[in-house]
Amino acid sequence: GKPSPPNAVWPHPQQITISNDVLYIRPHDLKIDSNIRSCDIIAKAIQRYEPIFFPPKLAMNLPPSSANNILQSLTLNIPGNAQCEQYIQQNSNESYTLTISRQIANVEATTVWGLLRGLETFSQLIYIDQQNYVRSL
């Protein structure tokens, strides 16, 4: 096989475009929301991923006060009549689209399983230096 390129996510998406832009994330200011908030699977996933995004034992510096490239929100969205499937099926659709722009990240999928995959990919794009950053897609 061929080695993965730097900053690769796993499993590798069918299509990915990564820019060189870097966004800051303030640990307690990133709002994570979903249009299916009553879904236990999504609510618990958000709880599991927050400490992965921002490890509690690491001291984080705040971005410069002049920074305007700060990610404000991550939205998990199933368009239309959103349903919370309790169990994954063999033919469940796990596809998703993750877009990250100047201040907004959005994961869109047709099922909760796609949202979970997108949340995992988002977590892999964050890297920690002296501040928290996320690459813009």
N, C-alpha and C. Protein backbone atom coordinates (compact mmCIF):
# COMPACT_ATOMS: atom_id res chain seq x y z
N GLY A 1 0.80 -1.19 0.00
CA GLY A 1 0.00 0.00 0.00
C GLY A 1 0.84 1.25 0.00
N LYS A 2 0.15 2.33 -0.11
CA LYS A 2 0.75 3.66 -0.16
C LYS A 2 0.54 4.35 1.19
N PRO A 3 1.57 5.00 1.76
CA PRO A 3 1.39 5.68 3.05
C PRO A 3 0.41 6.85 2.92
N SER A 4 -0.29 7.10 4.02
CA SER A 4 -1.24 8.22 4.05
C SER A 4 -0.49 9.54 4.02
N PRO A 5 -1.05 10.54 3.34
CA PRO A 5 -0.42 11.86 3.35
C PRO A 5 -0.57 12.52 4.72
N PRO A 6 0.25 13.54 5.01
CA PRO A 6 0.10 14.26 6.28
C PRO A 6 -1.32 14.82 6.41
N ASN A 7 -1.81 14.88 7.61
CA ASN A 7 -3.15 15.40 7.93
C ASN A 7 -4.26 14.56 7.33
N ALA A 8 -3.99 13.30 7.03
CA ALA A 8 -5.02 12.43 6.45
C ALA A 8 -6.04 12.04 7.51
N VAL A 9 -7.27 11.90 7.09
CA VAL A 9 -8.33 11.41 7.98
C VAL A 9 -8.61 9.96 7.63
N TRP A 10 -9.10 9.23 8.62
CA TRP A 10 -9.40 7.82 8.41
C TRP A 10 -10.80 7.52 8.92
N PRO A 11 -11.62 6.78 8.24
CA PRO A 11 -11.35 6.26 6.90
C PRO A 11 -11.31 7.41 5.89
N HIS A 12 -10.56 7.20 4.83
CA HIS A 12 -10.37 8.25 3.83
C HIS A 12 -11.69 8.52 3.10
N PRO A 13 -12.12 9.78 3.07
CA PRO A 13 -13.38 10.13 2.37
C PRO A 13 -13.27 9.87 0.87
N GLN A 14 -14.41 9.67 0.23
CA GLN A 14 -14.43 9.48 -1.22
C GLN A 14 -13.90 10.72 -1.92
N GLN A 15 -14.20 11.88 -1.36
CA GLN A 15 -13.73 13.14 -1.94
C GLN A 15 -13.37 14.07 -0.80
N ILE A 16 -12.22 14.73 -0.93
CA ILE A 16 -11.80 15.67 0.11
C ILE A 16 -10.99 16.79 -0.54
N THR A 17 -11.24 18.00 -0.10
CA THR A 17 -10.47 19.16 -0.52
C THR A 17 -10.07 19.89 0.75
N ILE A 18 -8.78 20.03 0.96
CA ILE A 18 -8.29 20.71 2.16
C ILE A 18 -7.52 21.95 1.72
N SER A 19 -7.88 23.08 2.30
CA SER A 19 -7.16 24.32 2.00
C SER A 19 -6.03 24.48 3.00
N ASN A 20 -5.24 25.50 2.81
CA ASN A 20 -4.17 25.80 3.75
C ASN A 20 -4.62 26.76 4.84
N ASP A 21 -5.88 27.18 4.78
CA ASP A 21 -6.40 28.10 5.79
C ASP A 21 -6.47 27.40 7.14
N VAL A 22 -6.22 28.16 8.18
CA VAL A 22 -6.31 27.63 9.53
C VAL A 22 -7.28 28.49 10.31
N LEU A 23 -8.16 27.84 11.05
CA LEU A 23 -9.11 28.54 11.90
C LEU A 23 -8.79 28.25 13.36
N TYR A 24 -9.00 29.23 14.20
CA TYR A 24 -8.87 29.02 15.64
C TYR A 24 -10.18 28.47 16.19
N ILE A 25 -10.05 27.75 17.29
CA ILE A 25 -11.23 27.31 18.03
C ILE A 25 -11.00 27.70 19.48
N ARG A 26 -11.97 28.38 20.06
CA ARG A 26 -11.93 28.66 21.49
C ARG A 26 -12.66 27.52 22.19
N PRO A 27 -12.01 26.84 23.11
CA PRO A 27 -12.58 25.63 23.69
C PRO A 27 -14.01 25.73 24.19
N HIS A 28 -14.37 26.77 24.88
CA HIS A 28 -15.73 26.83 25.44
C HIS A 28 -16.68 27.70 24.63
N ASP A 29 -16.21 28.21 23.50
CA ASP A 29 -17.06 29.07 22.68
C ASP A 29 -17.60 28.40 21.43
N LEU A 30 -17.12 27.19 21.11
CA LEU A 30 -17.63 26.49 19.94
C LEU A 30 -19.00 25.91 20.29
N LYS A 31 -20.03 26.36 19.56
CA LYS A 31 -21.39 25.87 19.79
C LYS A 31 -21.63 24.67 18.89
N ILE A 32 -21.98 23.54 19.49
CA ILE A 32 -22.29 22.33 18.72
C ILE A 32 -23.79 22.10 18.84
N ASP A 33 -24.45 22.02 17.68
CA ASP A 33 -25.90 21.92 17.67
C ASP A 33 -26.34 20.92 16.60
N SER A 34 -27.57 20.47 16.72
CA SER A 34 -28.13 19.54 15.74
C SER A 34 -29.61 19.82 15.56
N ASN A 35 -30.11 19.52 14.39
CA ASN A 35 -31.55 19.70 14.17
C ASN A 35 -32.34 18.49 14.69
N ILE A 36 -31.64 17.50 15.22
CA ILE A 36 -32.34 16.38 15.87
C ILE A 36 -31.83 16.22 17.30
N ARG A 37 -31.93 17.30 18.06
CA ARG A 37 -31.42 17.35 19.42
C ARG A 37 -32.04 16.31 20.34
N SER A 38 -33.25 15.89 20.05
CA SER A 38 -33.90 14.91 20.93
C SER A 38 -33.35 13.50 20.69
N CYS A 39 -32.42 13.35 19.78
CA CYS A 39 -31.85 12.04 19.46
C CYS A 39 -30.72 11.72 20.44
N ASP A 40 -30.93 10.68 21.25
CA ASP A 40 -29.93 10.27 22.25
C ASP A 40 -28.58 9.95 21.63
N ILE A 41 -28.60 9.33 20.47
CA ILE A 41 -27.35 8.93 19.83
C ILE A 41 -26.49 10.15 19.52
N ILE A 42 -27.12 11.19 19.01
CA ILE A 42 -26.38 12.43 18.68
C ILE A 42 -25.98 13.17 19.95
N ALA A 43 -26.90 13.29 20.90
CA ALA A 43 -26.59 13.99 22.16
C ALA A 43 -25.40 13.34 22.87
N LYS A 44 -25.39 12.02 22.93
CA LYS A 44 -24.29 11.31 23.60
C LYS A 44 -22.99 11.42 22.80
N ALA A 45 -23.10 11.42 21.48
CA ALA A 45 -21.90 11.57 20.65
C ALA A 45 -21.26 12.94 20.88
N ILE A 46 -22.08 13.98 20.96
CA ILE A 46 -21.55 15.32 21.22
C ILE A 46 -20.84 15.33 22.57
N GLN A 47 -21.43 14.71 23.58
CA GLN A 47 -20.79 14.65 24.91
C GLN A 47 -19.46 13.90 24.85
N ARG A 48 -19.39 12.84 24.05
CA ARG A 48 -18.15 12.06 23.93
C ARG A 48 -17.06 12.84 23.19
N TYR A 49 -17.47 13.59 22.18
CA TYR A 49 -16.47 14.26 21.33
C TYR A 49 -15.95 15.57 21.92
N GLU A 50 -16.70 16.25 22.76
CA GLU A 50 -16.20 17.52 23.30
C GLU A 50 -14.85 17.37 24.00
N PRO A 51 -14.64 16.35 24.86
CA PRO A 51 -13.30 16.21 25.45
C PRO A 51 -12.24 15.75 24.45
N ILE A 52 -12.67 15.17 23.33
CA ILE A 52 -11.70 14.81 22.29
C ILE A 52 -11.27 16.07 21.55
N PHE A 53 -12.23 16.96 21.27
CA PHE A 53 -11.90 18.24 20.63
C PHE A 53 -10.98 19.06 21.52
N PHE A 54 -11.30 19.09 22.80
CA PHE A 54 -10.59 19.94 23.76
C PHE A 54 -10.18 19.11 24.97
N PRO A 55 -9.04 18.42 24.91
CA PRO A 55 -8.62 17.59 26.04
C PRO A 55 -8.55 18.40 27.32
N PRO A 56 -9.25 17.96 28.37
CA PRO A 56 -9.36 18.77 29.60
C PRO A 56 -8.04 18.99 30.33
N LYS A 57 -7.06 18.13 30.13
CA LYS A 57 -5.81 18.27 30.87
C LYS A 57 -4.78 19.16 30.18
N LEU A 58 -5.12 19.64 28.99
CA LEU A 58 -4.20 20.52 28.28
C LEU A 58 -4.55 21.98 28.53
N ALA A 59 -3.55 22.77 28.82
CA ALA A 59 -3.77 24.21 28.97
C ALA A 59 -3.83 24.82 27.57
N MET A 60 -4.86 25.57 27.30
CA MET A 60 -5.03 26.17 25.98
C MET A 60 -4.87 27.68 26.08
N ASN A 61 -4.13 28.23 25.15
CA ASN A 61 -4.04 29.68 25.03
C ASN A 61 -5.19 30.16 24.17
N LEU A 62 -5.67 31.34 24.44
CA LEU A 62 -6.73 31.90 23.61
C LEU A 62 -6.13 32.46 22.32
N PRO A 63 -6.91 32.44 21.24
CA PRO A 63 -6.43 33.04 19.99
C PRO A 63 -6.18 34.53 20.20
N PRO A 64 -5.38 35.14 19.35
CA PRO A 64 -5.16 36.58 19.46
C PRO A 64 -6.49 37.33 19.41
N SER A 65 -6.61 38.39 20.16
CA SER A 65 -7.87 39.14 20.19
C SER A 65 -8.21 39.74 18.83
N SER A 66 -7.20 39.93 17.99
CA SER A 66 -7.45 40.50 16.66
C SER A 66 -7.86 39.44 15.63
N ALA A 67 -7.86 38.17 16.01
CA ALA A 67 -8.17 37.09 15.06
C ALA A 67 -9.64 37.15 14.64
N ASN A 68 -9.87 37.09 13.33
CA ASN A 68 -11.25 37.05 12.84
C ASN A 68 -11.57 35.70 12.21
N ASN A 69 -10.62 34.77 12.29
CA ASN A 69 -10.83 33.44 11.74
C ASN A 69 -11.04 32.42 12.88
N ILE A 70 -12.11 32.65 13.64
CA ILE A 70 -12.44 31.80 14.78
C ILE A 70 -13.71 31.03 14.46
N LEU A 71 -13.61 29.71 14.54
CA LEU A 71 -14.78 28.87 14.28
C LEU A 71 -15.78 29.05 15.42
N GLN A 72 -17.01 29.41 15.07
CA GLN A 72 -18.05 29.71 16.06
C GLN A 72 -18.98 28.53 16.33
N SER A 73 -19.27 27.74 15.28
CA SER A 73 -20.28 26.70 15.46
C SER A 73 -20.02 25.48 14.60
N LEU A 74 -20.50 24.36 15.10
CA LEU A 74 -20.53 23.10 14.37
C LEU A 74 -21.97 22.62 14.41
N THR A 75 -22.58 22.49 13.24
CA THR A 75 -23.98 22.07 13.15
C THR A 75 -24.06 20.69 12.51
N LEU A 76 -24.82 19.81 13.14
CA LEU A 76 -25.08 18.47 12.62
C LEU A 76 -26.50 18.48 12.10
N ASN A 77 -26.67 18.22 10.81
CA ASN A 77 -27.97 18.44 10.18
C ASN A 77 -28.39 17.27 9.30
N ILE A 78 -29.63 16.83 9.50
CA ILE A 78 -30.27 15.91 8.58
C ILE A 78 -31.41 16.70 7.95
N PRO A 79 -31.32 16.99 6.64
CA PRO A 79 -32.36 17.80 6.01
C PRO A 79 -33.70 17.06 5.95
N GLY A 80 -34.75 17.85 5.89
CA GLY A 80 -36.09 17.27 5.76
C GLY A 80 -36.61 16.74 7.08
N ASN A 81 -37.34 15.66 7.00
CA ASN A 81 -37.97 15.07 8.18
C ASN A 81 -36.95 14.20 8.91
N ALA A 82 -36.19 14.82 9.81
CA ALA A 82 -35.11 14.13 10.51
C ALA A 82 -35.64 13.06 11.45
N GLN A 83 -35.04 11.88 11.37
CA GLN A 83 -35.41 10.79 12.26
C GLN A 83 -34.17 10.27 12.97
N CYS A 84 -34.38 9.78 14.16
CA CYS A 84 -33.29 9.23 14.96
C CYS A 84 -33.40 7.70 14.94
N GLU A 85 -32.65 7.09 14.05
CA GLU A 85 -32.63 5.62 14.00
C GLU A 85 -31.87 5.11 15.21
N GLN A 86 -32.43 4.17 15.92
CA GLN A 86 -31.78 3.66 17.13
C GLN A 86 -30.73 2.60 16.86
N TYR A 87 -30.85 1.93 15.72
CA TYR A 87 -29.91 0.85 15.40
C TYR A 87 -29.45 0.97 13.96
N ILE A 88 -28.17 0.73 13.77
CA ILE A 88 -27.63 0.75 12.41
C ILE A 88 -28.02 -0.55 11.70
N GLN A 89 -28.30 -0.43 10.43
CA GLN A 89 -28.66 -1.59 9.61
C GLN A 89 -27.54 -1.85 8.60
N GLN A 90 -27.55 -3.02 8.02
CA GLN A 90 -26.53 -3.37 7.04
C GLN A 90 -26.52 -2.39 5.87
N ASN A 91 -27.68 -1.90 5.50
CA ASN A 91 -27.77 -0.98 4.36
C ASN A 91 -27.92 0.49 4.78
N SER A 92 -27.59 0.81 6.03
CA SER A 92 -27.70 2.20 6.49
C SER A 92 -26.73 3.09 5.71
N ASN A 93 -27.20 4.28 5.38
CA ASN A 93 -26.40 5.24 4.63
C ASN A 93 -25.52 6.01 5.62
N GLU A 94 -24.20 5.85 5.53
CA GLU A 94 -23.27 6.53 6.43
C GLU A 94 -22.55 7.69 5.74
N SER A 95 -23.04 8.09 4.57
CA SER A 95 -22.39 9.19 3.86
C SER A 95 -22.69 10.52 4.55
N TYR A 96 -21.82 11.49 4.33
CA TYR A 96 -21.98 12.81 4.93
C TYR A 96 -21.20 13.81 4.09
N THR A 97 -21.53 15.07 4.29
CA THR A 97 -20.78 16.17 3.71
C THR A 97 -20.36 17.07 4.86
N LEU A 98 -19.07 17.33 4.96
CA LEU A 98 -18.54 18.23 5.98
C LEU A 98 -17.97 19.44 5.28
N THR A 99 -18.47 20.62 5.63
CA THR A 99 -17.92 21.86 5.10
C THR A 99 -17.53 22.75 6.27
N ILE A 100 -16.40 23.39 6.12
CA ILE A 100 -15.92 24.32 7.15
C ILE A 100 -15.57 25.61 6.43
N SER A 101 -16.19 26.70 6.86
CA SER A 101 -15.89 27.99 6.26
C SER A 101 -15.36 28.92 7.34
N ARG A 102 -15.39 30.18 7.09
CA ARG A 102 -14.80 31.19 7.96
C ARG A 102 -15.15 31.02 9.44
N GLN A 103 -16.43 30.84 9.74
CA GLN A 103 -16.83 30.75 11.15
C GLN A 103 -17.78 29.59 11.44
N ILE A 104 -18.14 28.83 10.41
CA ILE A 104 -19.18 27.81 10.57
C ILE A 104 -18.71 26.48 9.99
N ALA A 105 -18.93 25.42 10.76
CA ALA A 105 -18.71 24.06 10.26
C ALA A 105 -20.07 23.38 10.20
N ASN A 106 -20.30 22.61 9.16
CA ASN A 106 -21.59 21.95 8.99
C ASN A 106 -21.36 20.51 8.54
N VAL A 107 -22.01 19.58 9.24
CA VAL A 107 -22.04 18.19 8.81
C VAL A 107 -23.47 17.91 8.39
N GLU A 108 -23.64 17.46 7.16
CA GLU A 108 -24.97 17.13 6.65
C GLU A 108 -24.97 15.68 6.22
N ALA A 109 -26.02 14.95 6.60
CA ALA A 109 -26.14 13.53 6.27
C ALA A 109 -27.61 13.17 6.18
N THR A 110 -27.89 11.99 5.67
CA THR A 110 -29.29 11.55 5.59
C THR A 110 -29.67 10.68 6.79
N THR A 111 -28.66 10.25 7.59
CA THR A 111 -28.94 9.44 8.78
C THR A 111 -28.04 9.89 9.92
N VAL A 112 -28.39 9.46 11.13
CA VAL A 112 -27.54 9.76 12.29
C VAL A 112 -26.16 9.11 12.13
N TRP A 113 -26.10 7.98 11.42
CA TRP A 113 -24.83 7.28 11.23
C TRP A 113 -23.89 8.10 10.36
N GLY A 114 -24.41 8.80 9.40
CA GLY A 114 -23.61 9.72 8.60
C GLY A 114 -23.12 10.88 9.44
N LEU A 115 -23.99 11.40 10.32
CA LEU A 115 -23.57 12.49 11.21
C LEU A 115 -22.42 12.04 12.11
N LEU A 116 -22.49 10.81 12.62
CA LEU A 116 -21.42 10.30 13.47
C LEU A 116 -20.10 10.20 12.70
N ARG A 117 -20.17 9.75 11.47
CA ARG A 117 -18.96 9.68 10.64
C ARG A 117 -18.37 11.08 10.41
N GLY A 118 -19.23 12.04 10.14
CA GLY A 118 -18.78 13.41 9.93
C GLY A 118 -18.18 14.02 11.18
N LEU A 119 -18.76 13.71 12.33
CA LEU A 119 -18.24 14.20 13.60
C LEU A 119 -16.84 13.63 13.85
N GLU A 120 -16.64 12.38 13.52
CA GLU A 120 -15.32 11.75 13.66
C GLU A 120 -14.30 12.42 12.74
N THR A 121 -14.69 12.68 11.50
CA THR A 121 -13.78 13.35 10.58
C THR A 121 -13.42 14.74 11.10
N PHE A 122 -14.42 15.49 11.58
CA PHE A 122 -14.15 16.81 12.13
C PHE A 122 -13.13 16.72 13.26
N SER A 123 -13.29 15.72 14.14
CA SER A 123 -12.36 15.58 15.28
C SER A 123 -10.93 15.34 14.80
N GLN A 124 -10.77 14.68 13.67
CA GLN A 124 -9.44 14.38 13.16
C GLN A 124 -8.79 15.59 12.48
N LEU A 125 -9.57 16.59 12.15
CA LEU A 125 -9.03 17.79 11.50
C LEU A 125 -8.48 18.79 12.51
N ILE A 126 -8.84 18.63 13.76
CA ILE A 126 -8.35 19.54 14.80
C ILE A 126 -6.94 19.11 15.18
N TYR A 127 -6.05 20.06 15.21
CA TYR A 127 -4.75 19.76 15.77
C TYR A 127 -4.43 20.83 16.79
N ILE A 128 -3.70 20.45 17.81
CA ILE A 128 -3.44 21.35 18.93
C ILE A 128 -1.98 21.76 18.91
N ASP A 129 -1.80 23.06 18.93
CA ASP A 129 -0.47 23.63 19.03
C ASP A 129 -0.52 24.45 20.32
N GLN A 130 -0.14 25.70 20.27
CA GLN A 130 -0.31 26.54 21.45
C GLN A 130 -1.75 27.01 21.56
N GLN A 131 -2.48 26.96 20.47
CA GLN A 131 -3.90 27.24 20.47
C GLN A 131 -4.58 26.02 19.86
N ASN A 132 -5.90 26.04 19.79
CA ASN A 132 -6.62 25.01 19.06
C ASN A 132 -6.84 25.51 17.65
N TYR A 133 -6.64 24.66 16.67
CA TYR A 133 -6.87 25.03 15.29
C TYR A 133 -7.72 23.96 14.63
N VAL A 134 -8.34 24.32 13.56
CA VAL A 134 -8.98 23.34 12.69
C VAL A 134 -8.72 23.78 11.26
N ARG A 135 -8.42 22.84 10.40
CA ARG A 135 -8.20 23.19 8.99
C ARG A 135 -9.53 23.49 8.33
N SER A 136 -9.51 24.41 7.42
CA SER A 136 -10.72 24.76 6.68
C SER A 136 -10.83 23.87 5.45
N LEU A 137 -12.01 23.31 5.23
CA LEU A 137 -12.23 22.45 4.06
C LEU A 137 -12.92 23.22 2.98
